[in-house]
């Protein structure tokens, strides 16, 4: 049941996205257009929020059955 809700949320997020042939796409870190993603930028983002993320949020990322490259990406 929860997976169906996730699919509906994902569909809603992607509803306005238009894909074009022969156009490259890439990830873009919106907080720093010059240097892209940096750990320093991510740290400043997390340090500037009023309410830090819940510690339980990261439990699945560092689970022993998650591949190391997946953990590092997350």
Protein backbone atom coordinates (compact mmCIF):
# COMPACT_ATOMS: atom_id res chain seq x y z
CA UNK A 1 0.00 0.00 0.00
CA UNK A 2 2.79 2.44 0.91
CA UNK A 3 4.57 1.67 -2.36
CA UNK A 4 1.50 2.75 -4.32
CA UNK A 5 1.49 6.03 -2.43
CA UNK A 6 5.19 6.50 -3.25
CA UNK A 7 4.45 5.91 -6.94
CA UNK A 8 1.66 8.49 -6.86
CA UNK A 9 3.97 11.04 -5.16
CA UNK A 10 6.73 10.36 -7.69
CA UNK A 11 4.30 10.70 -10.60
CA UNK A 12 3.07 14.02 -9.22
CA UNK A 13 6.65 15.32 -8.91
CA UNK A 14 7.51 14.29 -12.47
CA UNK A 15 4.25 15.44 -14.05
CA UNK A 16 5.65 18.73 -15.41
CA UNK A 17 8.98 17.28 -16.57
CA UNK A 18 9.47 17.19 -20.34
CA UNK A 19 12.24 15.06 -21.83
CA UNK A 20 13.80 15.87 -25.19
CA UNK A 21 15.81 13.65 -27.51
CA UNK A 22 19.44 14.65 -28.12
CA UNK A 23 19.54 16.81 -25.00
CA UNK A 24 21.94 15.93 -22.23
CA UNK A 25 20.86 16.01 -18.64
CA UNK A 26 22.91 16.09 -15.47
CA UNK A 27 22.63 16.54 -11.75
CA UNK A 28 22.84 20.11 -10.56
CA UNK A 29 23.52 21.30 -7.01
CA UNK A 30 21.35 24.40 -6.79
CA UNK A 31 23.11 25.86 -3.76
CA UNK A 32 26.39 26.46 -5.61
CA UNK A 33 26.24 26.95 -9.37
CA UNK A 34 29.99 27.49 -9.73
CA UNK A 35 31.59 24.56 -7.88
CA UNK A 36 28.62 22.19 -7.85
CA UNK A 37 28.27 19.85 -4.85
CA UNK A 38 30.82 20.03 -2.05
CA UNK A 39 30.84 18.61 1.45
CA UNK A 40 31.37 22.14 2.73
CA UNK A 41 28.21 23.31 0.99
CA UNK A 42 26.22 20.36 2.32
CA UNK A 43 27.53 21.02 5.84
CA UNK A 44 26.51 24.68 5.64
CA UNK A 45 23.06 23.67 4.43
CA UNK A 46 22.57 21.23 7.31
CA UNK A 47 24.05 23.66 9.85
CA UNK A 48 21.75 26.48 8.75
CA UNK A 49 18.42 24.68 9.19
CA UNK A 50 16.44 25.39 12.33
CA UNK A 51 15.57 21.75 12.95
CA UNK A 52 18.23 19.08 12.24
CA UNK A 53 17.15 15.88 10.45
CA UNK A 54 15.97 13.07 12.68
CA UNK A 55 18.72 10.56 13.46
CA UNK A 56 16.44 7.67 12.44
CA UNK A 57 16.47 9.09 8.92
CA UNK A 58 20.00 7.79 8.35
CA UNK A 59 19.56 4.34 9.91
CA UNK A 60 18.75 2.64 6.59
CA UNK A 61 21.55 4.42 4.73
CA UNK A 62 24.22 2.96 7.01
CA UNK A 63 22.61 -0.49 7.30
CA UNK A 64 25.14 -3.32 6.91
CA UNK A 65 23.21 -4.82 3.97
CA UNK A 66 23.38 -1.63 1.93
CA UNK A 67 26.21 -1.56 -0.59
CA UNK A 68 29.01 0.81 0.36
CA UNK A 69 28.68 2.82 -2.87
CA UNK A 70 24.96 3.25 -2.19
CA UNK A 71 25.64 4.45 1.36
CA UNK A 72 28.25 6.91 0.16
CA UNK A 73 25.96 8.21 -2.58
CA UNK A 74 23.10 8.70 -0.12
